[in-house]
């Protein structure tokens, strides 16, 4: 999994963090 801090990768994570 990727860790995101700014929510720009939320699409790749399907909202895992950047929901």
C-alpha atoms as a PDB file:
ATOM      1  CA  UNK A   1       0.000   0.000   0.000  1.00  0.00           C
ATOM      2  CA  UNK A   2       1.016   3.571  -0.555  1.00  0.00           C
ATOM      3  CA  UNK A   3       1.035   6.156   2.183  1.00  0.00           C
ATOM      4  CA  UNK A   4      -0.413   9.478   1.169  1.00  0.00           C
ATOM      5  CA  UNK A   5      -0.239  12.785   2.957  1.00  0.00           C
ATOM      6  CA  UNK A   6      -2.076  15.074   0.586  1.00  0.00           C
ATOM      7  CA  UNK A   7      -4.881  12.906  -0.800  1.00  0.00           C
ATOM      8  CA  UNK A   8      -3.711  13.202  -4.412  1.00  0.00           C
ATOM      9  CA  UNK A   9      -3.291   9.437  -4.661  1.00  0.00           C
ATOM     10  CA  UNK A  10      -6.636   8.610  -3.096  1.00  0.00           C
ATOM     11  CA  UNK A  11      -7.894   7.223  -6.404  1.00  0.00           C
ATOM     12  CA  UNK A  12      -5.205   4.520  -6.437  1.00  0.00           C
ATOM     13  CA  UNK A  13      -6.048   3.624  -2.860  1.00  0.00           C
ATOM     14  CA  UNK A  14      -9.791   3.654  -3.517  1.00  0.00           C
ATOM     15  CA  UNK A  15     -10.175   6.052  -0.607  1.00  0.00           C
ATOM     16  CA  UNK A  16      -8.054   3.942   1.751  1.00  0.00           C
ATOM     17  CA  UNK A  17      -6.690   7.098   3.356  1.00  0.00           C
ATOM     18  CA  UNK A  18      -7.679  10.000   1.142  1.00  0.00           C
ATOM     19  CA  UNK A  19     -11.389   9.309   1.322  1.00  0.00           C
END
